[in-house]
C-alpha cells in the first residue's frame, strides 16, 4: 500500500517538475501591447476603472426602465390576442407608470447632459 502511495507521489512530483521545465523552455517572450482593447485600440484618456459622474447613474436607471419595459412587452405581444382587452389595459397602466417615472427623471434633470 505504501509503495503505491510513494509511486503516485513521485509520479506527481515528476509531472509537476517536467511541466515547469517545459513551461520555461517553451515560453513565448512577452512584448508590451502597442494598442489596448479598451476604446477600440485608441489610447484611453482616463483609467478604465475611473468613477463616473453622478448624473450617469440617473441616466442608467432611465435606460433600465426602458429595457425592462421591452422585457415585458415582447412576451406580452405574443399572447395579447389570446388574453383580450384586459391585457391591453394592464399594459397601458404599466406604460403610464413608466411615463410618470420618465417625467420625474426629466424634472430631476436626468436628461441634461451639460
PDB file of N, CA and C in Angstrom:
ATOM      1  N   UNK A   1       0.820  -1.193   0.000  1.00  0.00           N
ATOM      2  CA  UNK A   1       0.000   0.000   0.000  1.00  0.00           C
ATOM      3  C   UNK A   1       0.867   1.262   0.000  1.00  0.00           C
ATOM      4  N   UNK A   2       1.900   1.268   0.830  1.00  0.00           N
ATOM      5  CA  UNK A   2       2.770   2.430   0.888  1.00  0.00           C
ATOM      6  C   UNK A   2       3.583   2.591  -0.399  1.00  0.00           C
ATOM      7  N   UNK A   3       3.876   1.477  -1.030  1.00  0.00           N
ATOM      8  CA  UNK A   3       4.610   1.535  -2.294  1.00  0.00           C
ATOM      9  C   UNK A   3       3.778   2.237  -3.371  1.00  0.00           C
ATOM     10  N   UNK A   4       2.470   1.982  -3.394  1.00  0.00           N
ATOM     11  CA  UNK A   4       1.584   2.628  -4.364  1.00  0.00           C
ATOM     12  C   UNK A   4       1.500   4.131  -4.097  1.00  0.00           C
ATOM     13  N   UNK A   5       1.392   4.536  -2.828  1.00  0.00           N
ATOM     14  CA  UNK A   5       1.347   5.953  -2.478  1.00  0.00           C
ATOM     15  C   UNK A   5       2.658   6.644  -2.836  1.00  0.00           C
ATOM     16  N   UNK A   6       3.775   5.992  -2.545  1.00  0.00           N
ATOM     17  CA  UNK A   6       5.073   6.559  -2.862  1.00  0.00           C
ATOM     18  C   UNK A   6       5.257   6.688  -4.376  1.00  0.00           C
ATOM     19  N   UNK A   7       4.789   5.695  -5.141  1.00  0.00           N
ATOM     20  CA  UNK A   7       4.877   5.744  -6.592  1.00  0.00           C
ATOM     21  C   UNK A   7       4.042   6.901  -7.143  1.00  0.00           C
ATOM     22  N   UNK A   8       2.833   7.085  -6.629  1.00  0.00           N
ATOM     23  CA  UNK A   8       1.965   8.184  -7.083  1.00  0.00           C
ATOM     24  C   UNK A   8       2.558   9.546  -6.718  1.00  0.00           C
ATOM     25  N   UNK A   9       3.147   9.663  -5.540  1.00  0.00           N
ATOM     26  CA  UNK A   9       3.748  10.927  -5.122  1.00  0.00           C
ATOM     27  C   UNK A   9       4.933  11.267  -6.009  1.00  0.00           C
ATOM     28  N   UNK A  10       5.780  10.277  -6.310  1.00  0.00           N
ATOM     29  CA  UNK A  10       6.935  10.517  -7.169  1.00  0.00           C
ATOM     30  C   UNK A  10       6.486  10.859  -8.587  1.00  0.00           C
ATOM     31  N   UNK A  11       5.474  10.156  -9.095  1.00  0.00           N
ATOM     32  CA  UNK A  11       4.973  10.437 -10.439  1.00  0.00           C
ATOM     33  C   UNK A  11       4.367  11.842 -10.505  1.00  0.00           C
ATOM     34  N   UNK A  12       3.626  12.245  -9.492  1.00  0.00           N
ATOM     35  CA  UNK A  12       3.051  13.590  -9.460  1.00  0.00           C
ATOM     36  C   UNK A  12       4.119  14.661  -9.387  1.00  0.00           C
ATOM     37  N   UNK A  13       5.126  14.448  -8.541  1.00  0.00           N
ATOM     38  CA  UNK A  13       6.223  15.396  -8.422  1.00  0.00           C
ATOM     39  C   UNK A  13       7.006  15.488  -9.726  1.00  0.00           C
ATOM     40  N   UNK A  14       7.246  14.360 -10.350  1.00  0.00           N
ATOM     41  CA  UNK A  14       7.947  14.331 -11.634  1.00  0.00           C
ATOM     42  C   UNK A  14       7.147  15.068 -12.719  1.00  0.00           C
ATOM     43  N   UNK A  15       5.831  14.884 -12.718  1.00  0.00           N
ATOM     44  CA  UNK A  15       4.989  15.570 -13.704  1.00  0.00           C
ATOM     45  C   UNK A  15       5.029  17.081 -13.489  1.00  0.00           C
ATOM     46  N   UNK A  16       4.965  17.528 -12.244  1.00  0.00           N
ATOM     47  CA  UNK A  16       4.999  18.968 -11.959  1.00  0.00           C
ATOM     48  C   UNK A  16       6.338  19.560 -12.366  1.00  0.00           C
ATOM     49  N   UNK A  17       7.428  18.907 -12.021  1.00  0.00           N
ATOM     50  CA  UNK A  17       8.752  19.412 -12.369  1.00  0.00           C
ATOM     51  C   UNK A  17       8.923  19.444 -13.885  1.00  0.00           C
ATOM     52  N   UNK A  18       8.462  18.395 -14.574  1.00  0.00           N
ATOM     53  CA  UNK A  18       8.574  18.348 -16.034  1.00  0.00           C
ATOM     54  C   UNK A  18       7.787  19.485 -16.679  1.00  0.00           C
ATOM     55  N   UNK A  19       6.582  19.728 -16.214  1.00  0.00           N
ATOM     56  CA  UNK A  19       5.771  20.806 -16.780  1.00  0.00           C
ATOM     57  C   UNK A  19       6.375  22.176 -16.509  1.00  0.00           C
ATOM     58  N   UNK A  20       6.956  22.379 -15.339  1.00  0.00           N
ATOM     59  CA  UNK A  20       7.606  23.656 -15.035  1.00  0.00           C
ATOM     60  C   UNK A  20       8.808  23.895 -15.956  1.00  0.00           C
ATOM     61  N   UNK A  21       9.599  22.855 -16.172  1.00  0.00           N
ATOM     62  CA  UNK A  21      10.768  22.987 -17.045  1.00  0.00           C
ATOM     63  C   UNK A  21      10.324  23.251 -18.486  1.00  0.00           C
ATOM     64  N   UNK A  22       9.323  22.511 -18.954  1.00  0.00           N
ATOM     65  CA  UNK A  22       8.813  22.739 -20.311  1.00  0.00           C
ATOM     66  C   UNK A  22       8.217  24.140 -20.460  1.00  0.00           C
ATOM     67  N   UNK A  23       7.555  24.605 -19.417  1.00  0.00           N
ATOM     68  CA  UNK A  23       6.993  25.953 -19.457  1.00  0.00           C
ATOM     69  C   UNK A  23       8.057  27.016 -19.595  1.00  0.00           C
ATOM     70  N   UNK A  24       9.168  26.858 -18.916  1.00  0.00           N
ATOM     71  CA  UNK A  24      10.269  27.830 -19.024  1.00  0.00           C
ATOM     72  C   UNK A  24      10.963  27.751 -20.379  1.00  0.00           C
ATOM     73  N   UNK A  25      11.093  26.548 -20.909  1.00  0.00           N
ATOM     74  CA  UNK A  25      11.781  26.380 -22.189  1.00  0.00           C
ATOM     75  C   UNK A  25      10.919  26.898 -23.341  1.00  0.00           C
ATOM     76  N   UNK A  26       9.627  26.584 -23.326  1.00  0.00           N
ATOM     77  CA  UNK A  26       8.749  26.900 -24.455  1.00  0.00           C
ATOM     78  C   UNK A  26       8.002  28.219 -24.312  1.00  0.00           C
ATOM     79  N   UNK A  27       8.273  28.976 -23.257  1.00  0.00           N
ATOM     80  CA  UNK A  27       7.539  30.222 -23.026  1.00  0.00           C
ATOM     81  C   UNK A  27       7.853  31.233 -24.121  1.00  0.00           C
ATOM     82  N   UNK A  28       6.835  31.946 -24.550  1.00  0.00           N
ATOM     83  CA  UNK A  28       6.994  32.990 -25.554  1.00  0.00           C
ATOM     84  C   UNK A  28       7.307  34.287 -24.824  1.00  0.00           C
ATOM     85  N   UNK A  29       8.315  34.995 -25.321  1.00  0.00           N
ATOM     86  CA  UNK A  29       8.693  36.244 -24.686  1.00  0.00           C
ATOM     87  C   UNK A  29       7.583  37.268 -24.911  1.00  0.00           C
ATOM     88  N   UNK A  30       7.112  37.840 -23.841  1.00  0.00           N
ATOM     89  CA  UNK A  30       6.012  38.795 -23.969  1.00  0.00           C
ATOM     90  C   UNK A  30       6.555  40.184 -24.285  1.00  0.00           C
ATOM     91  N   UNK A  31       5.901  40.829 -25.210  1.00  0.00           N
ATOM     92  CA  UNK A  31       6.244  42.206 -25.559  1.00  0.00           C
ATOM     93  C   UNK A  31       5.083  43.091 -25.140  1.00  0.00           C
ATOM     94  N   UNK A  32       5.344  44.332 -24.788  1.00  0.00           N
ATOM     95  CA  UNK A  32       4.242  45.199 -24.375  1.00  0.00           C
ATOM     96  C   UNK A  32       3.283  45.453 -25.541  1.00  0.00           C
ATOM     97  N   UNK A  33       2.006  45.626 -25.192  1.00  0.00           N
ATOM     98  CA  UNK A  33       0.988  45.885 -26.208  1.00  0.00           C
ATOM     99  C   UNK A  33       1.129  47.304 -26.754  1.00  0.00           C
ATOM    100  N   UNK A  34       0.985  47.430 -28.054  1.00  0.00           N
ATOM    101  CA  UNK A  34       1.016  48.750 -28.682  1.00  0.00           C
ATOM    102  C   UNK A  34      -0.361  49.414 -28.614  1.00  0.00           C
ATOM    103  N   UNK A  35      -1.410  48.614 -28.703  1.00  0.00           N
ATOM    104  CA  UNK A  35      -2.774  49.130 -28.598  1.00  0.00           C
ATOM    105  C   UNK A  35      -3.506  48.350 -27.528  1.00  0.00           C
ATOM    106  N   UNK A  36      -4.559  48.932 -27.035  1.00  0.00           N
ATOM    107  CA  UNK A  36      -5.342  48.317 -25.981  1.00  0.00           C
ATOM    108  C   UNK A  36      -6.720  47.947 -26.508  1.00  0.00           C
ATOM    109  N   UNK A  37      -7.347  46.915 -25.967  1.00  0.00           N
ATOM    110  CA  UNK A  37      -8.697  46.575 -26.410  1.00  0.00           C
ATOM    111  C   UNK A  37      -9.728  47.607 -25.971  1.00  0.00           C
ATOM    112  N   UNK A  38      -9.412  48.401 -24.970  1.00  0.00           N
ATOM    113  CA  UNK A  38     -10.300  49.446 -24.474  1.00  0.00           C
ATOM    114  C   UNK A  38     -10.382  50.577 -25.493  1.00  0.00           C
ATOM    115  N   UNK A  39     -11.529  51.067 -25.799  1.00  0.00           N
ATOM    116  CA  UNK A  39     -11.772  52.170 -26.735  1.00  0.00           C
ATOM    117  C   UNK A  39     -11.344  51.836 -28.155  1.00  0.00           C
ATOM    118  N   UNK A  40     -11.519  50.601 -28.568  1.00  0.00           N
ATOM    119  CA  UNK A  40     -11.240  50.149 -29.934  1.00  0.00           C
ATOM    120  C   UNK A  40      -9.805  50.395 -30.370  1.00  0.00           C
ATOM    121  N   UNK A  41      -8.868  50.268 -29.476  1.00  0.00           N
ATOM    122  CA  UNK A  41      -7.467  50.408 -29.816  1.00  0.00           C
ATOM    123  C   UNK A  41      -6.906  51.800 -29.650  1.00  0.00           C
ATOM    124  N   UNK A  42      -7.741  52.799 -29.420  1.00  0.00           N
ATOM    125  CA  UNK A  42      -7.224  54.149 -29.190  1.00  0.00           C
ATOM    126  C   UNK A  42      -6.648  54.253 -27.783  1.00  0.00           C
ATOM    127  N   UNK A  43      -5.761  55.196 -27.601  1.00  0.00           N
ATOM    128  CA  UNK A  43      -5.185  55.405 -26.276  1.00  0.00           C
ATOM    129  C   UNK A  43      -6.263  55.949 -25.347  1.00  0.00           C
ATOM    130  N   UNK A  44      -6.463  55.337 -24.193  1.00  0.00           N
ATOM    131  CA  UNK A  44      -7.514  55.812 -23.288  1.00  0.00           C
ATOM    132  C   UNK A  44      -7.158  57.159 -22.675  1.00  0.00           C
ATOM    133  N   UNK A  45      -8.167  57.979 -22.482  1.00  0.00           N
ATOM    134  CA  UNK A  45      -7.964  59.288 -21.868  1.00  0.00           C
ATOM    135  C   UNK A  45      -8.048  59.220 -20.358  1.00  0.00           C
ATOM    136  N   UNK A  46      -8.703  58.185 -19.840  1.00  0.00           N
ATOM    137  CA  UNK A  46      -8.808  58.007 -18.403  1.00  0.00           C
ATOM    138  C   UNK A  46      -8.640  56.525 -18.090  1.00  0.00           C
ATOM    139  N   UNK A  47      -8.523  56.239 -16.828  1.00  0.00           N
ATOM    140  CA  UNK A  47      -8.358  54.848 -16.406  1.00  0.00           C
ATOM    141  C   UNK A  47      -9.663  54.094 -16.614  1.00  0.00           C
ATOM    142  N   UNK A  48      -9.574  52.823 -16.953  1.00  0.00           N
ATOM    143  CA  UNK A  48     -10.772  52.029 -17.233  1.00  0.00           C
ATOM    144  C   UNK A  48     -11.640  51.858 -15.992  1.00  0.00           C
ATOM    145  N   UNK A  49     -11.068  51.944 -14.819  1.00  0.00           N
ATOM    146  CA  UNK A  49     -11.836  51.778 -13.585  1.00  0.00           C
ATOM    147  C   UNK A  49     -12.148  53.111 -12.918  1.00  0.00           C
ATOM    148  N   UNK A  50     -12.079  54.209 -13.682  1.00  0.00           N
ATOM    149  CA  UNK A  50     -12.359  55.509 -13.090  1.00  0.00           C
ATOM    150  C   UNK A  50     -13.839  55.629 -12.753  1.00  0.00           C
ATOM    151  N   UNK A  51     -14.126  56.527 -11.864  1.00  0.00           N
ATOM    152  CA  UNK A  51     -15.511  56.707 -11.428  1.00  0.00           C
ATOM    153  C   UNK A  51     -16.277  57.566 -12.415  1.00  0.00           C
ATOM    154  N   UNK A  52     -17.573  57.316 -12.485  1.00  0.00           N
ATOM    155  CA  UNK A  52     -18.430  58.077 -13.378  1.00  0.00           C
ATOM    156  C   UNK A  52     -19.070  59.222 -12.619  1.00  0.00           C
ATOM    157  N   UNK A  53     -19.430  60.248 -13.371  1.00  0.00           N
ATOM    158  CA  UNK A  53     -20.149  61.368 -12.766  1.00  0.00           C
ATOM    159  C   UNK A  53     -21.507  60.877 -12.294  1.00  0.00           C
ATOM    160  N   UNK A  54     -22.029  61.481 -11.252  1.00  0.00           N
ATOM    161  CA  UNK A  54     -23.270  61.005 -10.643  1.00  0.00           C
ATOM    162  C   UNK A  54     -24.463  61.111 -11.590  1.00  0.00           C
ATOM    163  N   UNK A  55     -24.420  62.012 -12.582  1.00  0.00           N
ATOM    164  CA  UNK A  55     -25.556  62.142 -13.494  1.00  0.00           C
ATOM    165  C   UNK A  55     -25.747  60.901 -14.365  1.00  0.00           C
ATOM    166  N   UNK A  56     -24.696  60.099 -14.564  1.00  0.00           N
ATOM    167  CA  UNK A  56     -24.823  58.897 -15.381  1.00  0.00           C
ATOM    168  C   UNK A  56     -25.645  57.831 -14.673  1.00  0.00           C
ATOM    169  N   UNK A  57     -25.697  57.846 -13.364  1.00  0.00           N
ATOM    170  CA  UNK A  57     -26.492  56.858 -12.645  1.00  0.00           C
ATOM    171  C   UNK A  57     -27.983  57.066 -12.899  1.00  0.00           C
ATOM    172  N   UNK A  58     -28.413  58.311 -12.934  1.00  0.00           N
ATOM    173  CA  UNK A  58     -29.826  58.583 -13.237  1.00  0.00           C
ATOM    174  C   UNK A  58     -30.154  58.169 -14.664  1.00  0.00           C
ATOM    175  N   UNK A  59     -29.246  58.431 -15.597  1.00  0.00           N
ATOM    176  CA  UNK A  59     -29.471  58.009 -16.975  1.00  0.00           C
ATOM    177  C   UNK A  59     -29.509  56.491 -17.077  1.00  0.00           C
ATOM    178  N   UNK A  60     -28.714  55.814 -16.283  1.00  0.00           N
ATOM    179  CA  UNK A  60     -28.723  54.351 -16.274  1.00  0.00           C
ATOM    180  C   UNK A  60     -30.052  53.814 -15.773  1.00  0.00           C
ATOM    181  N   UNK A  61     -30.598  54.426 -14.753  1.00  0.00           N
ATOM    182  CA  UNK A  61     -31.892  53.988 -14.232  1.00  0.00           C
ATOM    183  C   UNK A  61     -32.981  54.181 -15.277  1.00  0.00           C
ATOM    184  N   UNK A  62     -32.938  55.292 -16.006  1.00  0.00           N
ATOM    185  CA  UNK A  62     -33.926  55.519 -17.066  1.00  0.00           C
ATOM    186  C   UNK A  62     -33.768  54.477 -18.170  1.00  0.00           C
ATOM    187  N   UNK A  63     -32.520  54.175 -18.541  1.00  0.00           N
ATOM    188  CA  UNK A  63     -32.293  53.141 -19.548  1.00  0.00           C
ATOM    189  C   UNK A  63     -32.823  51.796 -19.071  1.00  0.00           C
ATOM    190  N   UNK A  64     -32.578  51.449 -17.828  1.00  0.00           N
ATOM    191  CA  UNK A  64     -33.067  50.170 -17.308  1.00  0.00           C
ATOM    192  C   UNK A  64     -34.589  50.118 -17.290  1.00  0.00           C
ATOM    193  N   UNK A  65     -35.230  51.260 -17.043  1.00  0.00           N
ATOM    194  CA  UNK A  65     -36.697  51.279 -17.076  1.00  0.00           C
ATOM    195  C   UNK A  65     -37.200  50.928 -18.471  1.00  0.00           C
ATOM    196  N   UNK A  66     -36.575  51.497 -19.500  1.00  0.00           N
ATOM    197  CA  UNK A  66     -36.990  51.169 -20.862  1.00  0.00           C
ATOM    198  C   UNK A  66     -36.606  49.749 -21.238  1.00  0.00           C
ATOM    199  N   UNK A  67     -35.495  49.274 -20.732  1.00  0.00           N
ATOM    200  CA  UNK A  67     -35.060  47.910 -21.010  1.00  0.00           C
ATOM    201  C   UNK A  67     -36.033  46.904 -20.392  1.00  0.00           C
ATOM    202  N   UNK A  68     -36.440  47.151 -19.162  1.00  0.00           N
ATOM    203  CA  UNK A  68     -37.405  46.263 -18.509  1.00  0.00           C
ATOM    204  C   UNK A  68     -38.754  46.347 -19.208  1.00  0.00           C
ATOM    205  N   UNK A  69     -39.082  47.519 -19.711  1.00  0.00           N
ATOM    206  CA  UNK A  69     -40.328  47.651 -20.477  1.00  0.00           C
ATOM    207  C   UNK A  69     -40.318  46.715 -21.681  1.00  0.00           C
ATOM    208  N   UNK A  70     -39.220  46.673 -22.385  1.00  0.00           N
ATOM    209  CA  UNK A  70     -39.122  45.783 -23.550  1.00  0.00           C
ATOM    210  C   UNK A  70     -39.155  44.314 -23.132  1.00  0.00           C
ATOM    211  N   UNK A  71     -38.579  43.991 -21.983  1.00  0.00           N
ATOM    212  CA  UNK A  71     -38.633  42.608 -21.496  1.00  0.00           C
ATOM    213  C   UNK A  71     -40.071  42.161 -21.255  1.00  0.00           C
ATOM    214  N   UNK A  72     -40.912  43.079 -20.807  1.00  0.00           N
ATOM    215  CA  UNK A  72     -42.311  42.732 -20.572  1.00  0.00           C
ATOM    216  C   UNK A  72     -43.142  42.801 -21.848  1.00  0.00           C
ATOM    217  N   UNK A  73     -42.767  43.664 -22.769  1.00  0.00           N
ATOM    218  CA  UNK A  73     -43.620  43.861 -23.939  1.00  0.00           C
ATOM    219  C   UNK A  73     -43.461  42.771 -24.997  1.00  0.00           C
ATOM    220  N   UNK A  74     -42.301  42.175 -25.138  1.00  0.00           N
ATOM    221  CA  UNK A  74     -42.130  41.127 -26.150  1.00  0.00           C
ATOM    222  C   UNK A  74     -43.005  39.904 -25.872  1.00  0.00           C
ATOM    223  N   UNK A  75     -42.964  39.320 -24.682  1.00  0.00           N
ATOM    224  CA  UNK A  75     -43.865  38.181 -24.457  1.00  0.00           C
ATOM    225  C   UNK A  75     -45.337  38.603 -24.459  1.00  0.00           C
ATOM    226  N   UNK A  76     -45.615  39.819 -23.998  1.00  0.00           N
ATOM    227  CA  UNK A  76     -46.993  40.304 -23.986  1.00  0.00           C
ATOM    228  C   UNK A  76     -47.528  40.402 -25.411  1.00  0.00           C
ATOM    229  N   UNK A  77     -46.698  40.845 -26.356  1.00  0.00           N
ATOM    230  CA  UNK A  77     -47.146  40.984 -27.746  1.00  0.00           C
ATOM    231  C   UNK A  77     -47.479  39.633 -28.362  1.00  0.00           C
ATOM    232  N   UNK A  78     -46.864  38.579 -27.864  1.00  0.00           N
ATOM    233  CA  UNK A  78     -47.134  37.255 -28.410  1.00  0.00           C
ATOM    234  C   UNK A  78     -48.504  36.744 -27.968  1.00  0.00           C
ATOM    235  N   UNK A  79     -48.888  37.049 -26.724  1.00  0.00           N
ATOM    236  CA  UNK A  79     -50.118  36.462 -26.182  1.00  0.00           C
ATOM    237  C   UNK A  79     -51.255  37.463 -26.025  1.00  0.00           C
ATOM    238  N   UNK A  80     -51.096  38.712 -26.459  1.00  0.00           N
ATOM    239  CA  UNK A  80     -52.123  39.720 -26.214  1.00  0.00           C
ATOM    240  C   UNK A  80     -53.447  39.376 -26.897  1.00  0.00           C
ATOM    241  N   UNK A  81     -53.407  38.755 -28.047  1.00  0.00           N
ATOM    242  CA  UNK A  81     -54.652  38.405 -28.742  1.00  0.00           C
ATOM    243  C   UNK A  81     -55.434  37.351 -27.971  1.00  0.00           C
ATOM    244  N   UNK A  82     -54.735  36.454 -27.303  1.00  0.00           N
ATOM    245  CA  UNK A  82     -55.410  35.416 -26.518  1.00  0.00           C
ATOM    246  C   UNK A  82     -55.960  35.956 -25.197  1.00  0.00           C
ATOM    247  N   UNK A  83     -55.304  36.965 -24.622  1.00  0.00           N
ATOM    248  CA  UNK A  83     -55.700  37.469 -23.305  1.00  0.00           C
ATOM    249  C   UNK A  83     -56.826  38.495 -23.375  1.00  0.00           C
ATOM    250  N   UNK A  84     -56.939  39.202 -24.474  1.00  0.00           N
ATOM    251  CA  UNK A  84     -58.057  40.122 -24.632  1.00  0.00           C
ATOM    252  C   UNK A  84     -57.761  41.536 -24.165  1.00  0.00           C
ATOM    253  N   UNK A  85     -58.839  42.300 -23.978  1.00  0.00           N
ATOM    254  CA  UNK A  85     -58.739  43.725 -23.674  1.00  0.00           C
ATOM    255  C   UNK A  85     -58.136  43.984 -22.299  1.00  0.00           C
ATOM    256  N   UNK A  86     -58.254  43.035 -21.373  1.00  0.00           N
ATOM    257  CA  UNK A  86     -57.666  43.211 -20.043  1.00  0.00           C
ATOM    258  C   UNK A  86     -56.154  43.337 -20.105  1.00  0.00           C
ATOM    259  N   UNK A  87     -55.546  42.572 -20.976  1.00  0.00           N
ATOM    260  CA  UNK A  87     -54.090  42.641 -21.124  1.00  0.00           C
ATOM    261  C   UNK A  87     -53.675  43.978 -21.716  1.00  0.00           C
ATOM    262  N   UNK A  88     -54.478  44.516 -22.628  1.00  0.00           N
ATOM    263  CA  UNK A  88     -54.160  45.818 -23.220  1.00  0.00           C
ATOM    264  C   UNK A  88     -54.240  46.907 -22.156  1.00  0.00           C
ATOM    265  N   UNK A  89     -55.276  46.843 -21.318  1.00  0.00           N
ATOM    266  CA  UNK A  89     -55.425  47.839 -20.250  1.00  0.00           C
ATOM    267  C   UNK A  89     -54.265  47.743 -19.263  1.00  0.00           C
ATOM    268  N   UNK A  90     -53.887  46.528 -18.895  1.00  0.00           N
ATOM    269  CA  UNK A  90     -52.764  46.355 -17.974  1.00  0.00           C
ATOM    270  C   UNK A  90     -51.468  46.903 -18.556  1.00  0.00           C
ATOM    271  N   UNK A  91     -51.248  46.702 -19.856  1.00  0.00           N
ATOM    272  CA  UNK A  91     -50.020  47.220 -20.466  1.00  0.00           C
ATOM    273  C   UNK A  91     -50.034  48.734 -20.484  1.00  0.00           C
ATOM    274  N   UNK A  92     -51.189  49.352 -20.739  1.00  0.00           N
ATOM    275  CA  UNK A  92     -51.231  50.804 -20.726  1.00  0.00           C
ATOM    276  C   UNK A  92     -51.053  51.362 -19.318  1.00  0.00           C
ATOM    277  N   UNK A  93     -51.505  50.648 -18.304  1.00  0.00           N
ATOM    278  CA  UNK A  93     -51.235  51.065 -16.922  1.00  0.00           C
ATOM    279  C   UNK A  93     -49.733  50.987 -16.655  1.00  0.00           C
ATOM    280  N   UNK A  94     -49.107  49.917 -17.101  1.00  0.00           N
ATOM    281  CA  UNK A  94     -47.663  49.751 -16.937  1.00  0.00           C
ATOM    282  C   UNK A  94     -46.908  50.861 -17.669  1.00  0.00           C
ATOM    283  N   UNK A  95     -47.296  51.140 -18.915  1.00  0.00           N
ATOM    284  CA  UNK A  95     -46.645  52.211 -19.671  1.00  0.00           C
ATOM    285  C   UNK A  95     -46.889  53.579 -19.032  1.00  0.00           C
ATOM    286  N   UNK A  96     -48.056  53.756 -18.440  1.00  0.00           N
ATOM    287  CA  UNK A  96     -48.329  55.004 -17.726  1.00  0.00           C
ATOM    288  C   UNK A  96     -47.402  55.181 -16.529  1.00  0.00           C
ATOM    289  N   UNK A  97     -47.155  54.094 -15.796  1.00  0.00           N
ATOM    290  CA  UNK A  97     -46.223  54.169 -14.671  1.00  0.00           C
ATOM    291  C   UNK A  97     -44.824  54.510 -15.152  1.00  0.00           C
ATOM    292  N   UNK A  98     -44.420  53.948 -16.279  1.00  0.00           N
ATOM    293  CA  UNK A  98     -43.105  54.283 -16.826  1.00  0.00           C
ATOM    294  C   UNK A  98     -43.057  55.725 -17.308  1.00  0.00           C
ATOM    295  N   UNK A  99     -44.155  56.211 -17.875  1.00  0.00           N
ATOM    296  CA  UNK A  99     -44.194  57.599 -18.326  1.00  0.00           C
ATOM    297  C   UNK A  99     -44.076  58.551 -17.142  1.00  0.00           C
ATOM    298  N   UNK A 100     -44.696  58.205 -16.037  1.00  0.00           N
ATOM    299  CA  UNK A 100     -44.567  59.020 -14.823  1.00  0.00           C
ATOM    300  C   UNK A 100     -43.121  59.022 -14.345  1.00  0.00           C
ATOM    301  N   UNK A 101     -42.472  57.858 -14.410  1.00  0.00           N
ATOM    302  CA  UNK A 101     -41.063  57.775 -14.000  1.00  0.00           C
ATOM    303  C   UNK A 101     -40.170  58.607 -14.915  1.00  0.00           C
ATOM    304  N   UNK A 102     -40.440  58.593 -16.209  1.00  0.00           N
ATOM    305  CA  UNK A 102     -39.642  59.388 -17.144  1.00  0.00           C
ATOM    306  C   UNK A 102     -39.889  60.877 -16.922  1.00  0.00           C
ATOM    307  N   UNK A 103     -41.128  61.260 -16.651  1.00  0.00           N
ATOM    308  CA  UNK A 103     -41.422  62.664 -16.370  1.00  0.00           C
ATOM    309  C   UNK A 103     -40.700  63.118 -15.103  1.00  0.00           C
ATOM    310  N   UNK A 104     -40.665  62.261 -14.090  1.00  0.00           N
ATOM    311  CA  UNK A 104     -39.938  62.587 -12.869  1.00  0.00           C
ATOM    312  C   UNK A 104     -38.443  62.721 -13.151  1.00  0.00           C
ATOM    313  N   UNK A 105     -37.884  61.805 -13.953  1.00  0.00           N
ATOM    314  CA  UNK A 105     -36.453  61.852 -14.283  1.00  0.00           C
ATOM    315  C   UNK A 105     -36.125  63.121 -15.058  1.00  0.00           C
ATOM    316  N   UNK A 106     -37.028  63.528 -15.932  1.00  0.00           N
ATOM    317  CA  UNK A 106     -36.791  64.755 -16.696  1.00  0.00           C
ATOM    318  C   UNK A 106     -36.824  65.968 -15.772  1.00  0.00           C
ATOM    319  N   UNK A 107     -37.771  65.966 -14.834  1.00  0.00           N
ATOM    320  CA  UNK A 107     -37.863  67.068 -13.886  1.00  0.00           C
ATOM    321  C   UNK A 107     -36.613  67.149 -13.011  1.00  0.00           C
ATOM    322  N   UNK A 108     -36.046  65.999 -12.672  1.00  0.00           N
ATOM    323  CA  UNK A 108     -34.850  65.960 -11.842  1.00  0.00           C
ATOM    324  C   UNK A 108     -33.578  66.273 -12.628  1.00  0.00           C
ATOM    325  N   UNK A 109     -33.687  66.344 -13.968  1.00  0.00           N
ATOM    326  CA  UNK A 109     -32.540  66.702 -14.777  1.00  0.00           C
ATOM    327  C   UNK A 109     -31.709  65.540 -15.273  1.00  0.00           C
ATOM    328  N   UNK A 110     -32.297  64.352 -15.347  1.00  0.00           N
ATOM    329  CA  UNK A 110     -31.540  63.180 -15.798  1.00  0.00           C
ATOM    330  C   UNK A 110     -31.197  63.261 -17.274  1.00  0.00           C
ATOM    331  N   UNK A 111     -31.911  64.084 -18.025  1.00  0.00           N
ATOM    332  CA  UNK A 111     -31.667  64.170 -19.467  1.00  0.00           C
ATOM    333  C   UNK A 111     -30.824  65.372 -19.856  1.00  0.00           C
ATOM    334  N   UNK A 112     -30.374  66.162 -18.889  1.00  0.00           N
ATOM    335  CA  UNK A 112     -29.484  67.291 -19.177  1.00  0.00           C
ATOM    336  C   UNK A 112     -28.057  66.769 -19.177  1.00  0.00           C
ATOM    337  N   UNK A 113     -27.347  66.935 -20.267  1.00  0.00           N
ATOM    338  CA  UNK A 113     -26.006  66.369 -20.381  1.00  0.00           C
ATOM    339  C   UNK A 113     -24.906  67.376 -20.157  1.00  0.00           C
ATOM    340  N   UNK A 114     -25.248  68.618 -19.955  1.00  0.00           N
ATOM    341  CA  UNK A 114     -24.201  69.633 -19.761  1.00  0.00           C
ATOM    342  C   UNK A 114     -24.101  70.043 -18.316  1.00  0.00           C
TER     343      UNK A 114
END
